[in-house]
Amino acid sequence: MAGPRTGTDAPLKTVGLMGGSFNPAHGGHRAVSLFAIDALHLDEYWWMVSPGNPLKPKKDMALLSARLASARAQARRSPIKATAIERELGTVYTIDTLRKIVARYPKTHFIWIMGTDNLLQFHHWKRWRDISRLMPIAVVARPGYDANAIAGPAMAWFRRFVRRPDQRHHWTKWSTPALVFLRFRPDPRSATAIRRADPYWFQRYRNMATRDGVTRKLVS
């Protein structure tokens, strides 16, 4: 795998980061993550299960322990790791989380991965330009959001930093800011639809302690 070398001539680990409420995690999350792992030649993919998203309402939000447990279940037998690392780091905003992760894991290449729905509102994120300077960004197409996101305020700034999709395997060598679009087949599954069909899904994980996939600590 391409990438800078350490003193032992071993390639640095490559990790994709995706944040979200995972309320609950579902097969759509898994499918797009496995796609990104292959498209970007990633060693691991971390699902950062948020203790609380400042841009999302708290209504109908299950406990962190239940959401992490659902993510661990969906991530089984894959390079995906579900983590509640933000709770340990004591961070709320993505920029603060990513800065602490980069400092904690200096021998790892990270790339931030999000959907075009997030790109559409990215300019509302705290210090969003600093996020783009911290690590490359991969944006996965989401039906219904692509056109508006590409015409939105964030893309007006990002446009000169967009990389061709056929360069995606070389993302560890890019200077930042850098953004690449990944085209993934539409997936109709959504956490909202799952909650409507099964509003008490979280009860399956009641009183369950789940081991964090990254820190290895128990979360209950």
C-alpha atoms as a PDB file:
ATOM      1  CA  MET A   1       0.000   0.000   0.000  1.00  0.00           C
ATOM      2  CA  ALA A   2       1.319   3.418  -0.899  1.00  0.00           C
ATOM      3  CA  GLY A   3       2.303   5.807   1.844  1.00  0.00           C
ATOM      4  CA  PRO A   4       5.204   7.313   3.785  1.00  0.00           C
ATOM      5  CA  ARG A   5       7.465   4.902   5.619  1.00  0.00           C
ATOM      6  CA  THR A   6       8.450   4.690   9.263  1.00  0.00           C
ATOM      7  CA  GLY A   7      11.954   4.042  10.525  1.00  0.00           C
ATOM      8  CA  THR A   8      11.310   0.299  10.226  1.00  0.00           C
ATOM      9  CA  ASP A   9      10.279   0.722   6.575  1.00  0.00           C
ATOM     10  CA  ALA A  10       6.725  -0.385   7.408  1.00  0.00           C
ATOM     11  CA  PRO A  11       3.779   1.451   5.836  1.00  0.00           C
ATOM     12  CA  LEU A  12       1.697   3.599   8.140  1.00  0.00           C
ATOM     13  CA  LYS A  13      -1.783   2.323   8.952  1.00  0.00           C
ATOM     14  CA  THR A  14      -4.555   3.901   6.887  1.00  0.00           C
ATOM     15  CA  VAL A  15      -7.889   4.576   8.590  1.00  0.00           C
ATOM     16  CA  GLY A  16     -11.139   6.075   7.387  1.00  0.00           C
ATOM     17  CA  LEU A  17     -13.156   8.046   9.929  1.00  0.00           C
ATOM     18  CA  MET A  18     -16.921   8.449   9.796  1.00  0.00           C
ATOM     19  CA  GLY A  19     -18.940  10.150  12.501  1.00  0.00           C
ATOM     20  CA  GLY A  20     -22.618   9.745  13.191  1.00  0.00           C
ATOM     21  CA  SER A  21     -25.323   9.016  15.710  1.00  0.00           C
ATOM     22  CA  PHE A  22     -25.848   5.416  14.462  1.00  0.00           C
ATOM     23  CA  ASN A  23     -29.349   5.508  15.890  1.00  0.00           C
ATOM     24  CA  PRO A  24     -29.246   2.616  15.104  1.00  0.00           C
ATOM     25  CA  ALA A  25     -26.418   1.370  12.894  1.00  0.00           C
ATOM     26  CA  HIS A  26     -27.702  -0.616   9.915  1.00  0.00           C
ATOM     27  CA  GLY A  27     -26.694  -2.490   6.794  1.00  0.00           C
ATOM     28  CA  GLY A  28     -26.492   0.695   4.748  1.00  0.00           C
ATOM     29  CA  HIS A  29     -23.713   1.985   7.005  1.00  0.00           C
ATOM     30  CA  ARG A  30     -21.868  -1.296   6.590  1.00  0.00           C
ATOM     31  CA  ALA A  31     -22.260  -1.425   2.810  1.00  0.00           C
ATOM     32  CA  VAL A  32     -20.953   2.088   2.163  1.00  0.00           C
ATOM     33  CA  SER A  33     -18.104   1.560   4.622  1.00  0.00           C
ATOM     34  CA  LEU A  34     -16.942  -1.649   2.948  1.00  0.00           C
ATOM     35  CA  PHE A  35     -17.132   0.180  -0.376  1.00  0.00           C
ATOM     36  CA  ALA A  36     -14.936   3.011   0.962  1.00  0.00           C
ATOM     37  CA  ILE A  37     -12.437   0.536   2.430  1.00  0.00           C
ATOM     38  CA  ASP A  38     -11.986  -0.987  -1.004  1.00  0.00           C
ATOM     39  CA  ALA A  39     -12.048   2.308  -2.924  1.00  0.00           C
ATOM     40  CA  LEU A  40      -9.427   3.966  -0.713  1.00  0.00           C
ATOM     41  CA  HIS A  41      -7.358   0.878   0.198  1.00  0.00           C
ATOM     42  CA  LEU A  42      -7.970   1.347   3.917  1.00  0.00           C
ATOM     43  CA  ASP A  43      -6.659  -0.894   6.679  1.00  0.00           C
ATOM     44  CA  GLU A  44      -9.487   0.066   9.038  1.00  0.00           C
ATOM     45  CA  TYR A  45     -12.660   2.122   9.117  1.00  0.00           C
ATOM     46  CA  TRP A  46     -13.776   3.705  12.382  1.00  0.00           C
ATOM     47  CA  TRP A  47     -17.411   4.437  13.104  1.00  0.00           C
ATOM     48  CA  MET A  48     -17.271   7.246  15.661  1.00  0.00           C
ATOM     49  CA  VAL A  49     -20.562   6.908  17.499  1.00  0.00           C
ATOM     50  CA  SER A  50     -21.324  10.400  18.737  1.00  0.00           C
ATOM     51  CA  PRO A  51     -22.365  10.999  22.356  1.00  0.00           C
ATOM     52  CA  GLY A  52     -24.424  13.911  21.007  1.00  0.00           C
ATOM     53  CA  ASN A  53     -24.527  15.619  17.626  1.00  0.00           C
ATOM     54  CA  PRO A  54     -24.931  19.414  18.046  1.00  0.00           C
ATOM     55  CA  LEU A  55     -26.654  19.574  14.643  1.00  0.00           C
ATOM     56  CA  LYS A  56     -29.255  16.891  15.434  1.00  0.00           C
ATOM     57  CA  PRO A  57     -32.209  16.979  17.860  1.00  0.00           C
ATOM     58  CA  LYS A  58     -31.970  14.823  20.983  1.00  0.00           C
ATOM     59  CA  LYS A  59     -35.528  13.534  20.595  1.00  0.00           C
ATOM     60  CA  ASP A  60     -35.646   9.775  19.884  1.00  0.00           C
ATOM     61  CA  MET A  61     -31.888   9.496  20.433  1.00  0.00           C
ATOM     62  CA  ALA A  62     -31.058   6.186  22.120  1.00  0.00           C
ATOM     63  CA  LEU A  63     -28.397   5.875  24.801  1.00  0.00           C
ATOM     64  CA  LEU A  64     -24.814   5.829  23.602  1.00  0.00           C
ATOM     65  CA  SER A  65     -24.351   2.278  24.904  1.00  0.00           C
ATOM     66  CA  ALA A  66     -27.236   0.973  22.761  1.00  0.00           C
ATOM     67  CA  ARG A  67     -26.067   2.805  19.653  1.00  0.00           C
ATOM     68  CA  LEU A  68     -22.499   1.547  20.100  1.00  0.00           C
ATOM     69  CA  ALA A  69     -23.796  -2.006  20.617  1.00  0.00           C
ATOM     70  CA  SER A  70     -25.804  -1.798  17.383  1.00  0.00           C
ATOM     71  CA  ALA A  71     -22.712  -0.523  15.583  1.00  0.00           C
ATOM     72  CA  ARG A  72     -20.544  -3.341  16.945  1.00  0.00           C
ATOM     73  CA  ALA A  73     -23.140  -5.849  15.744  1.00  0.00           C
ATOM     74  CA  GLN A  74     -23.157  -4.377  12.226  1.00  0.00           C
ATOM     75  CA  ALA A  75     -19.334  -4.177  12.119  1.00  0.00           C
ATOM     76  CA  ARG A  76     -18.710  -7.826  12.962  1.00  0.00           C
ATOM     77  CA  ARG A  77     -16.291  -9.806  10.774  1.00  0.00           C
ATOM     78  CA  SER A  78     -15.005  -6.724   8.956  1.00  0.00           C
ATOM     79  CA  PRO A  79     -12.233  -4.092   9.238  1.00  0.00           C
ATOM     80  CA  ILE A  80     -14.850  -1.703  10.679  1.00  0.00           C
ATOM     81  CA  LYS A  81     -14.365  -0.647  14.307  1.00  0.00           C
ATOM     82  CA  ALA A  82     -17.182   0.988  16.263  1.00  0.00           C
ATOM     83  CA  THR A  83     -15.931   3.431  18.856  1.00  0.00           C
ATOM     84  CA  ALA A  84     -17.227   5.929  21.395  1.00  0.00           C
ATOM     85  CA  ILE A  85     -13.837   7.625  21.518  1.00  0.00           C
ATOM     86  CA  GLU A  86     -15.411  11.099  21.592  1.00  0.00           C
ATOM     87  CA  ARG A  87     -16.750  10.410  25.081  1.00  0.00           C
ATOM     88  CA  GLU A  88     -13.258   9.534  26.283  1.00  0.00           C
ATOM     89  CA  LEU A  89     -11.715  12.547  24.550  1.00  0.00           C
ATOM     90  CA  GLY A  90     -14.389  14.842  25.987  1.00  0.00           C
ATOM     91  CA  THR A  91     -15.068  16.468  22.618  1.00  0.00           C
ATOM     92  CA  VAL A  92     -18.302  17.593  21.006  1.00  0.00           C
ATOM     93  CA  TYR A  93     -17.244  19.151  17.721  1.00  0.00           C
ATOM     94  CA  THR A  94     -15.624  17.206  14.903  1.00  0.00           C
ATOM     95  CA  ILE A  95     -12.616  19.509  14.597  1.00  0.00           C
ATOM     96  CA  ASP A  96     -11.697  18.989  18.258  1.00  0.00           C
ATOM     97  CA  THR A  97     -12.169  15.225  17.982  1.00  0.00           C
ATOM     98  CA  LEU A  98     -10.029  14.917  14.877  1.00  0.00           C
ATOM     99  CA  ARG A  99      -7.216  17.033  16.278  1.00  0.00           C
ATOM    100  CA  LYS A 100      -7.017  14.844  19.367  1.00  0.00           C
ATOM    101  CA  ILE A 101      -7.158  11.634  17.333  1.00  0.00           C
ATOM    102  CA  VAL A 102      -4.358  12.780  15.039  1.00  0.00           C
ATOM    103  CA  ALA A 103      -2.237  13.662  18.090  1.00  0.00           C
ATOM    104  CA  ARG A 104      -3.000  10.338  19.804  1.00  0.00           C
ATOM    105  CA  TYR A 105      -2.225   8.172  16.746  1.00  0.00           C
ATOM    106  CA  PRO A 106       0.754   9.837  15.027  1.00  0.00           C
ATOM    107  CA  LYS A 107       1.670   6.709  13.033  1.00  0.00           C
ATOM    108  CA  THR A 108      -1.687   6.545  11.258  1.00  0.00           C
ATOM    109  CA  HIS A 109      -2.948   8.216   8.091  1.00  0.00           C
ATOM    110  CA  PHE A 110      -6.560   9.360   8.524  1.00  0.00           C
ATOM    111  CA  ILE A 111      -9.136  10.388   5.930  1.00  0.00           C
ATOM    112  CA  TRP A 112     -12.499  11.897   6.865  1.00  0.00           C
ATOM    113  CA  ILE A 113     -15.445  10.292   5.065  1.00  0.00           C
ATOM    114  CA  MET A 114     -18.934  11.770   4.826  1.00  0.00           C
ATOM    115  CA  GLY A 115     -21.970  11.761   2.575  1.00  0.00           C
ATOM    116  CA  THR A 116     -23.088  14.556   0.302  1.00  0.00           C
ATOM    117  CA  ASP A 117     -25.855  15.267   2.840  1.00  0.00           C
ATOM    118  CA  ASN A 118     -23.128  16.345   5.263  1.00  0.00           C
ATOM    119  CA  LEU A 119     -21.260  18.255   2.561  1.00  0.00           C
ATOM    120  CA  LEU A 120     -24.435  20.246   1.978  1.00  0.00           C
ATOM    121  CA  GLN A 121     -24.341  21.564   5.560  1.00  0.00           C
ATOM    122  CA  PHE A 122     -20.563  21.379   6.063  1.00  0.00           C
ATOM    123  CA  HIS A 123     -20.205  25.165   6.106  1.00  0.00           C
ATOM    124  CA  HIS A 124     -22.254  25.192   9.333  1.00  0.00           C
ATOM    125  CA  TRP A 125     -19.730  22.936  11.096  1.00  0.00           C
ATOM    126  CA  LYS A 126     -17.384  24.538  13.604  1.00  0.00           C
ATOM    127  CA  ARG A 127     -14.081  25.489  11.895  1.00  0.00           C
ATOM    128  CA  TRP A 128     -14.905  23.347   8.873  1.00  0.00           C
ATOM    129  CA  ARG A 129     -12.015  24.717   6.846  1.00  0.00           C
ATOM    130  CA  ASP A 130      -9.636  23.587   9.598  1.00  0.00           C
ATOM    131  CA  ILE A 131     -11.052  20.061   9.270  1.00  0.00           C
ATOM    132  CA  SER A 132     -10.148  20.091   5.577  1.00  0.00           C
ATOM    133  CA  ARG A 133      -6.622  21.237   6.369  1.00  0.00           C
ATOM    134  CA  LEU A 134      -6.164  18.494   8.955  1.00  0.00           C
ATOM    135  CA  MET A 135      -6.772  15.497   6.681  1.00  0.00           C
ATOM    136  CA  PRO A 136      -8.125  14.614   3.217  1.00  0.00           C
ATOM    137  CA  ILE A 137     -11.882  14.238   2.798  1.00  0.00           C
ATOM    138  CA  ALA A 138     -13.804  11.655   0.779  1.00  0.00           C
ATOM    139  CA  VAL A 139     -17.443  12.399  -0.027  1.00  0.00           C
ATOM    140  CA  VAL A 140     -19.784   9.514  -0.826  1.00  0.00           C
ATOM    141  CA  ALA A 141     -22.736  10.256  -3.086  1.00  0.00           C
ATOM    142  CA  ARG A 142     -26.164  10.303  -1.408  1.00  0.00           C
ATOM    143  CA  PRO A 143     -29.213  10.328  -3.696  1.00  0.00           C
ATOM    144  CA  GLY A 144     -31.198  13.528  -3.443  1.00  0.00           C
ATOM    145  CA  TYR A 145     -28.346  15.595  -2.032  1.00  0.00           C
ATOM    146  CA  ASP A 146     -25.656  15.584  -4.710  1.00  0.00           C
ATOM    147  CA  ALA A 147     -26.786  18.534  -6.863  1.00  0.00           C
ATOM    148  CA  ASN A 148     -27.461  20.862  -3.937  1.00  0.00           C
ATOM    149  CA  ALA A 149     -24.227  19.902  -2.185  1.00  0.00           C
ATOM    150  CA  ILE A 150     -22.131  20.552  -5.298  1.00  0.00           C
ATOM    151  CA  ALA A 151     -23.794  23.949  -5.682  1.00  0.00           C
ATOM    152  CA  GLY A 152     -23.506  24.752  -1.971  1.00  0.00           C
ATOM    153  CA  PRO A 153     -21.279  27.170  -0.038  1.00  0.00           C
ATOM    154  CA  ALA A 154     -18.722  24.566   1.068  1.00  0.00           C
ATOM    155  CA  MET A 155     -18.088  23.359  -2.478  1.00  0.00           C
ATOM    156  CA  ALA A 156     -17.605  26.927  -3.662  1.00  0.00           C
ATOM    157  CA  TRP A 157     -14.500  26.934  -1.453  1.00  0.00           C
ATOM    158  CA  PHE A 158     -13.533  23.268  -2.005  1.00  0.00           C
ATOM    159  CA  ARG A 159     -13.762  23.339  -5.777  1.00  0.00           C
ATOM    160  CA  ARG A 160     -10.093  24.092  -6.402  1.00  0.00           C
ATOM    161  CA  PHE A 161      -9.057  21.287  -4.046  1.00  0.00           C
ATOM    162  CA  VAL A 162     -11.047  18.451  -5.675  1.00  0.00           C
ATOM    163  CA  ARG A 163      -9.001  15.428  -6.787  1.00  0.00           C
ATOM    164  CA  ARG A 164      -9.916  13.105  -9.629  1.00  0.00           C
ATOM    165  CA  PRO A 165     -11.538   9.823  -8.546  1.00  0.00           C
ATOM    166  CA  ASP A 166      -8.816   7.835 -10.312  1.00  0.00           C
ATOM    167  CA  GLN A 167      -6.284   9.402  -7.890  1.00  0.00           C
ATOM    168  CA  ARG A 168      -8.082   8.110  -4.799  1.00  0.00           C
ATOM    169  CA  HIS A 169      -5.546   5.332  -4.093  1.00  0.00           C
ATOM    170  CA  HIS A 170      -2.849   7.969  -3.555  1.00  0.00           C
ATOM    171  CA  TRP A 171      -4.677  10.002  -0.904  1.00  0.00           C
ATOM    172  CA  THR A 172      -1.913   9.480   1.700  1.00  0.00           C
ATOM    173  CA  LYS A 173       0.403  11.582  -0.479  1.00  0.00           C
ATOM    174  CA  TRP A 174      -1.979  14.494  -0.955  1.00  0.00           C
ATOM    175  CA  SER A 175      -1.380  17.893   0.572  1.00  0.00           C
ATOM    176  CA  THR A 176      -4.446  19.300   2.260  1.00  0.00           C
ATOM    177  CA  PRO A 177      -7.064  20.583   1.646  1.00  0.00           C
ATOM    178  CA  ALA A 178      -8.013  17.733  -0.680  1.00  0.00           C
ATOM    179  CA  LEU A 179     -11.423  16.282  -1.480  1.00  0.00           C
ATOM    180  CA  VAL A 180     -12.430  13.317  -3.619  1.00  0.00           C
ATOM    181  CA  PHE A 181     -15.897  12.122  -4.597  1.00  0.00           C
ATOM    182  CA  LEU A 182     -16.729   8.406  -4.402  1.00  0.00           C
ATOM    183  CA  ARG A 183     -19.685   7.106  -6.402  1.00  0.00           C
ATOM    184  CA  PHE A 184     -21.619   4.427  -4.555  1.00  0.00           C
ATOM    185  CA  ARG A 185     -24.809   2.771  -5.721  1.00  0.00           C
ATOM    186  CA  PRO A 186     -27.910   4.157  -3.974  1.00  0.00           C
ATOM    187  CA  ASP A 187     -28.895   2.398  -0.744  1.00  0.00           C
ATOM    188  CA  PRO A 188     -32.457   3.063   0.469  1.00  0.00           C
ATOM    189  CA  ARG A 189     -31.881   1.972   4.056  1.00  0.00           C
ATOM    190  CA  SER A 190     -32.005   4.638   6.757  1.00  0.00           C
ATOM    191  CA  ALA A 191     -31.958   4.826  10.541  1.00  0.00           C
ATOM    192  CA  THR A 192     -35.121   6.955  10.449  1.00  0.00           C
ATOM    193  CA  ALA A 193     -37.048   4.238   8.620  1.00  0.00           C
ATOM    194  CA  ILE A 194     -35.750   1.588  11.015  1.00  0.00           C
ATOM    195  CA  ARG A 195     -36.900   3.612  14.037  1.00  0.00           C
ATOM    196  CA  ARG A 196     -40.352   4.046  12.510  1.00  0.00           C
ATOM    197  CA  ALA A 197     -40.674   0.307  11.934  1.00  0.00           C
ATOM    198  CA  ASP A 198     -39.070  -0.674  15.257  1.00  0.00           C
ATOM    199  CA  PRO A 199     -39.247   2.266  17.709  1.00  0.00           C
ATOM    200  CA  TYR A 200     -38.000   0.178  20.624  1.00  0.00           C
ATOM    201  CA  TRP A 201     -34.987  -1.347  18.845  1.00  0.00           C
ATOM    202  CA  PHE A 202     -32.670  -0.167  21.623  1.00  0.00           C
ATOM    203  CA  GLN A 203     -34.287  -2.482  24.155  1.00  0.00           C
ATOM    204  CA  ARG A 204     -32.363  -5.369  22.590  1.00  0.00           C
ATOM    205  CA  TYR A 205     -29.206  -3.773  23.966  1.00  0.00           C
ATOM    206  CA  ARG A 206     -30.534  -2.808  27.409  1.00  0.00           C
ATOM    207  CA  ASN A 207     -28.024  -3.235  30.250  1.00  0.00           C
ATOM    208  CA  MET A 208     -25.412  -4.456  27.782  1.00  0.00           C
ATOM    209  CA  ALA A 209     -21.773  -3.421  28.215  1.00  0.00           C
ATOM    210  CA  THR A 210     -20.009  -3.137  24.859  1.00  0.00           C
ATOM    211  CA  ARG A 211     -16.256  -3.109  24.321  1.00  0.00           C
ATOM    212  CA  ASP A 212     -15.071  -0.116  22.326  1.00  0.00           C
ATOM    213  CA  GLY A 213     -13.504  -1.275  19.066  1.00  0.00           C
ATOM    214  CA  VAL A 214     -10.648   1.246  19.283  1.00  0.00           C
ATOM    215  CA  THR A 215      -9.955   1.993  22.943  1.00  0.00           C
ATOM    216  CA  ARG A 216     -10.984  -1.539  24.061  1.00  0.00           C
ATOM    217  CA  LYS A 217     -12.743  -0.074  27.083  1.00  0.00           C
ATOM    218  CA  LEU A 218     -16.205  -1.210  28.169  1.00  0.00           C
ATOM    219  CA  VAL A 219     -19.039   1.230  27.469  1.00  0.00           C
ATOM    220  CA  SER A 220     -22.276   0.748  29.379  1.00  0.00           C
END
